[in-house]
Amino acid sequence: MPRMQVYLPDELYDAVKERELSPSELLQDAVRAKLRHQALLEETDRYLTELIDDIGEPSDEALAKAEALSRRIQTNSPAATC
């Protein structure tokens, strides 16, 4: 298995050591999560491109409705109240 040197800010280094966590496992989990996130974003972009090719660009009215709905969801989401 290849090795990689990683630098952490002092506060992250201290937190990892204080909690006796495995830096290698943390990094592997973080890299896997980031790669999955990027793959999902790329797939979303591909899907949207295909959708636009099939049915065309959304109208200004449709975009306005979508933005209003998005704002309403964000305002009412439990994460927004934390």
N, C-alpha and C. Protein backbone atom coordinates (compact mmCIF):
# COMPACT_ATOMS: atom_id res chain seq x y z
N MET A 1 0.85 -1.17 0.00
CA MET A 1 0.00 0.00 0.00
C MET A 1 0.90 1.24 0.00
N PRO A 2 0.65 2.18 -0.91
CA PRO A 2 1.47 3.40 -0.95
C PRO A 2 1.29 4.23 0.32
N ARG A 3 2.30 5.00 0.62
CA ARG A 3 2.24 5.90 1.79
C ARG A 3 2.15 7.33 1.29
N MET A 4 1.55 8.18 2.12
CA MET A 4 1.40 9.59 1.77
C MET A 4 1.59 10.41 3.05
N GLN A 5 2.32 11.49 2.93
CA GLN A 5 2.50 12.37 4.07
C GLN A 5 1.44 13.46 4.01
N VAL A 6 0.77 13.69 5.13
CA VAL A 6 -0.31 14.66 5.19
C VAL A 6 -0.03 15.63 6.33
N TYR A 7 -0.28 16.89 6.10
CA TYR A 7 -0.10 17.91 7.12
C TYR A 7 -1.46 18.36 7.62
N LEU A 8 -1.58 18.49 8.94
CA LEU A 8 -2.81 18.94 9.57
C LEU A 8 -2.54 20.22 10.36
N PRO A 9 -3.52 21.11 10.41
CA PRO A 9 -3.38 22.25 11.32
C PRO A 9 -3.30 21.72 12.76
N ASP A 10 -2.68 22.51 13.62
CA ASP A 10 -2.49 22.07 15.01
C ASP A 10 -3.77 21.61 15.67
N GLU A 11 -4.87 22.34 15.47
CA GLU A 11 -6.12 22.00 16.17
C GLU A 11 -6.67 20.64 15.70
N LEU A 12 -6.51 20.30 14.42
CA LEU A 12 -6.95 18.99 13.96
C LEU A 12 -6.04 17.89 14.48
N TYR A 13 -4.75 18.13 14.44
CA TYR A 13 -3.79 17.15 14.96
C TYR A 13 -4.08 16.87 16.43
N ASP A 14 -4.27 17.93 17.22
CA ASP A 14 -4.55 17.77 18.65
C ASP A 14 -5.84 17.01 18.89
N ALA A 15 -6.88 17.31 18.10
CA ALA A 15 -8.18 16.63 18.27
C ALA A 15 -8.07 15.14 17.95
N VAL A 16 -7.33 14.80 16.90
CA VAL A 16 -7.14 13.39 16.53
C VAL A 16 -6.39 12.66 17.64
N LYS A 17 -5.32 13.26 18.12
CA LYS A 17 -4.52 12.63 19.18
C LYS A 17 -5.33 12.51 20.48
N GLU A 18 -6.05 13.57 20.83
CA GLU A 18 -6.84 13.59 22.06
C GLU A 18 -7.89 12.48 22.07
N ARG A 19 -8.48 12.23 20.92
CA ARG A 19 -9.53 11.21 20.82
C ARG A 19 -8.98 9.82 20.48
N GLU A 20 -7.65 9.74 20.34
CA GLU A 20 -6.98 8.49 20.01
C GLU A 20 -7.56 7.85 18.75
N LEU A 21 -7.78 8.67 17.74
CA LEU A 21 -8.31 8.20 16.46
C LEU A 21 -7.17 7.80 15.54
N SER A 22 -7.48 6.96 14.59
CA SER A 22 -6.49 6.54 13.61
C SER A 22 -6.47 7.53 12.46
N PRO A 23 -5.39 8.28 12.29
CA PRO A 23 -5.33 9.24 11.18
C PRO A 23 -5.50 8.56 9.82
N SER A 24 -4.95 7.38 9.66
CA SER A 24 -5.06 6.68 8.37
C SER A 24 -6.52 6.35 8.06
N GLU A 25 -7.23 5.82 9.05
CA GLU A 25 -8.65 5.48 8.83
C GLU A 25 -9.47 6.74 8.55
N LEU A 26 -9.21 7.80 9.30
CA LEU A 26 -9.93 9.05 9.08
C LEU A 26 -9.70 9.58 7.67
N LEU A 27 -8.46 9.58 7.24
CA LEU A 27 -8.14 10.07 5.91
C LEU A 27 -8.79 9.21 4.83
N GLN A 28 -8.70 7.89 5.00
CA GLN A 28 -9.32 6.99 4.02
C GLN A 28 -10.82 7.23 3.93
N ASP A 29 -11.48 7.36 5.07
CA ASP A 29 -12.92 7.62 5.08
C ASP A 29 -13.26 8.95 4.42
N ALA A 30 -12.45 9.97 4.74
CA ALA A 30 -12.69 11.30 4.17
C ALA A 30 -12.49 11.31 2.66
N VAL A 31 -11.44 10.64 2.20
CA VAL A 31 -11.16 10.60 0.76
C VAL A 31 -12.26 9.83 0.04
N ARG A 32 -12.68 8.69 0.60
CA ARG A 32 -13.78 7.93 -0.01
C ARG A 32 -15.05 8.78 -0.10
N ALA A 33 -15.37 9.48 0.98
CA ALA A 33 -16.58 10.32 1.00
C ALA A 33 -16.48 11.44 -0.04
N LYS A 34 -15.32 12.07 -0.14
CA LYS A 34 -15.14 13.16 -1.10
C LYS A 34 -15.23 12.65 -2.53
N LEU A 35 -14.61 11.50 -2.81
CA LEU A 35 -14.68 10.91 -4.15
C LEU A 35 -16.12 10.54 -4.50
N ARG A 36 -16.85 9.98 -3.55
CA ARG A 36 -18.27 9.64 -3.78
C ARG A 36 -19.07 10.91 -4.05
N HIS A 37 -18.82 11.94 -3.28
CA HIS A 37 -19.52 13.21 -3.46
C HIS A 37 -19.25 13.77 -4.86
N GLN A 38 -18.00 13.76 -5.28
CA GLN A 38 -17.67 14.27 -6.61
C GLN A 38 -18.30 13.41 -7.72
N ALA A 39 -18.32 12.10 -7.53
CA ALA A 39 -18.93 11.22 -8.53
C ALA A 39 -20.42 11.50 -8.65
N LEU A 40 -21.08 11.74 -7.52
CA LEU A 40 -22.51 12.06 -7.55
C LEU A 40 -22.76 13.40 -8.24
N LEU A 41 -21.90 14.38 -7.98
CA LEU A 41 -22.06 15.67 -8.66
C LEU A 41 -21.86 15.52 -10.17
N GLU A 42 -20.87 14.73 -10.57
CA GLU A 42 -20.63 14.50 -11.99
C GLU A 42 -21.82 13.80 -12.63
N GLU A 43 -22.39 12.82 -11.94
CA GLU A 43 -23.55 12.11 -12.46
C GLU A 43 -24.75 13.05 -12.57
N THR A 44 -24.91 13.93 -11.60
CA THR A 44 -26.00 14.92 -11.65
C THR A 44 -25.83 15.84 -12.85
N ASP A 45 -24.60 16.29 -13.09
CA ASP A 45 -24.33 17.15 -14.25
C ASP A 45 -24.66 16.42 -15.55
N ARG A 46 -24.27 15.14 -15.64
CA ARG A 46 -24.58 14.36 -16.85
C ARG A 46 -26.09 14.22 -17.05
N TYR A 47 -26.79 13.94 -15.95
CA TYR A 47 -28.24 13.78 -16.02
C TYR A 47 -28.90 15.09 -16.46
N LEU A 48 -28.48 16.20 -15.88
CA LEU A 48 -29.08 17.48 -16.25
C LEU A 48 -28.79 17.84 -17.70
N THR A 49 -27.60 17.54 -18.17
CA THR A 49 -27.27 17.79 -19.58
C THR A 49 -28.18 16.97 -20.49
N GLU A 50 -28.36 15.70 -20.16
CA GLU A 50 -29.25 14.84 -20.96
C GLU A 50 -30.68 15.35 -20.91
N LEU A 51 -31.12 15.76 -19.73
CA LEU A 51 -32.49 16.26 -19.57
C LEU A 51 -32.71 17.52 -20.40
N ILE A 52 -31.76 18.43 -20.36
CA ILE A 52 -31.87 19.67 -21.15
C ILE A 52 -31.85 19.34 -22.63
N ASP A 53 -31.01 18.38 -23.03
CA ASP A 53 -30.99 17.96 -24.44
C ASP A 53 -32.34 17.39 -24.87
N ASP A 54 -32.99 16.65 -23.96
CA ASP A 54 -34.27 16.00 -24.27
C ASP A 54 -35.45 16.97 -24.28
N ILE A 55 -35.51 17.85 -23.26
CA ILE A 55 -36.71 18.68 -23.13
C ILE A 55 -36.44 20.18 -23.23
N GLY A 56 -35.19 20.56 -23.32
CA GLY A 56 -34.85 21.98 -23.47
C GLY A 56 -34.57 22.65 -22.14
N GLU A 57 -34.10 23.88 -22.24
CA GLU A 57 -33.78 24.69 -21.06
C GLU A 57 -35.07 25.03 -20.31
N PRO A 58 -35.00 25.13 -18.98
CA PRO A 58 -36.18 25.54 -18.22
C PRO A 58 -36.51 27.01 -18.50
N SER A 59 -37.79 27.32 -18.43
CA SER A 59 -38.22 28.71 -18.63
C SER A 59 -37.85 29.55 -17.42
N ASP A 60 -37.89 30.86 -17.58
CA ASP A 60 -37.62 31.75 -16.45
C ASP A 60 -38.64 31.52 -15.34
N GLU A 61 -39.89 31.26 -15.72
CA GLU A 61 -40.94 30.99 -14.73
C GLU A 61 -40.63 29.72 -13.94
N ALA A 62 -40.21 28.67 -14.64
CA ALA A 62 -39.88 27.41 -13.98
C ALA A 62 -38.68 27.59 -13.04
N LEU A 63 -37.68 28.35 -13.47
CA LEU A 63 -36.52 28.62 -12.62
C LEU A 63 -36.92 29.39 -11.37
N ALA A 64 -37.79 30.38 -11.53
CA ALA A 64 -38.25 31.18 -10.39
C ALA A 64 -39.01 30.30 -9.39
N LYS A 65 -39.86 29.41 -9.90
CA LYS A 65 -40.59 28.49 -9.01
C LYS A 65 -39.64 27.57 -8.27
N ALA A 66 -38.65 27.05 -8.98
CA ALA A 66 -37.68 26.14 -8.36
C ALA A 66 -36.86 26.86 -7.29
N GLU A 67 -36.45 28.08 -7.56
CA GLU A 67 -35.69 28.84 -6.57
C GLU A 67 -36.54 29.15 -5.34
N ALA A 68 -37.81 29.49 -5.55
CA ALA A 68 -38.71 29.76 -4.43
C ALA A 68 -38.90 28.50 -3.59
N LEU A 69 -39.08 27.38 -4.24
CA LEU A 69 -39.24 26.12 -3.53
C LEU A 69 -37.97 25.78 -2.75
N SER A 70 -36.83 25.97 -3.36
CA SER A 70 -35.56 25.70 -2.70
C SER A 70 -35.40 26.56 -1.45
N ARG A 71 -35.73 27.84 -1.56
CA ARG A 71 -35.65 28.73 -0.40
C ARG A 71 -36.60 28.28 0.70
N ARG A 72 -37.81 27.88 0.33
CA ARG A 72 -38.79 27.43 1.31
C ARG A 72 -38.30 26.17 2.02
N ILE A 73 -37.73 25.24 1.28
CA ILE A 73 -37.21 24.01 1.86
C ILE A 73 -36.06 24.33 2.82
N GLN A 74 -35.15 25.20 2.39
CA GLN A 74 -34.01 25.56 3.25
C GLN A 74 -34.47 26.25 4.52
N THR A 75 -35.46 27.09 4.42
CA THR A 75 -35.97 27.83 5.58
C THR A 75 -36.64 26.88 6.57
N ASN A 76 -37.31 25.86 6.07
CA ASN A 76 -38.06 24.94 6.93
C ASN A 76 -37.29 23.69 7.32
N SER A 77 -36.07 23.56 6.83
CA SER A 77 -35.31 22.33 7.12
C SER A 77 -34.78 22.36 8.55
N PRO A 78 -34.73 21.19 9.22
CA PRO A 78 -34.20 21.16 10.58
C PRO A 78 -32.75 21.63 10.64
N ALA A 79 -31.97 21.42 9.60
CA ALA A 79 -30.58 21.87 9.59
C ALA A 79 -30.49 23.39 9.65
N ALA A 80 -31.49 24.06 9.08
CA ALA A 80 -31.48 25.53 9.05
C ALA A 80 -31.70 26.12 10.43
N THR A 81 -32.29 25.34 11.34
CA THR A 81 -32.57 25.86 12.67
C THR A 81 -31.47 25.56 13.67
N CYS A 82 -30.44 24.82 13.24
CA CYS A 82 -29.33 24.47 14.16
C CYS A 82 -28.36 25.62 14.30
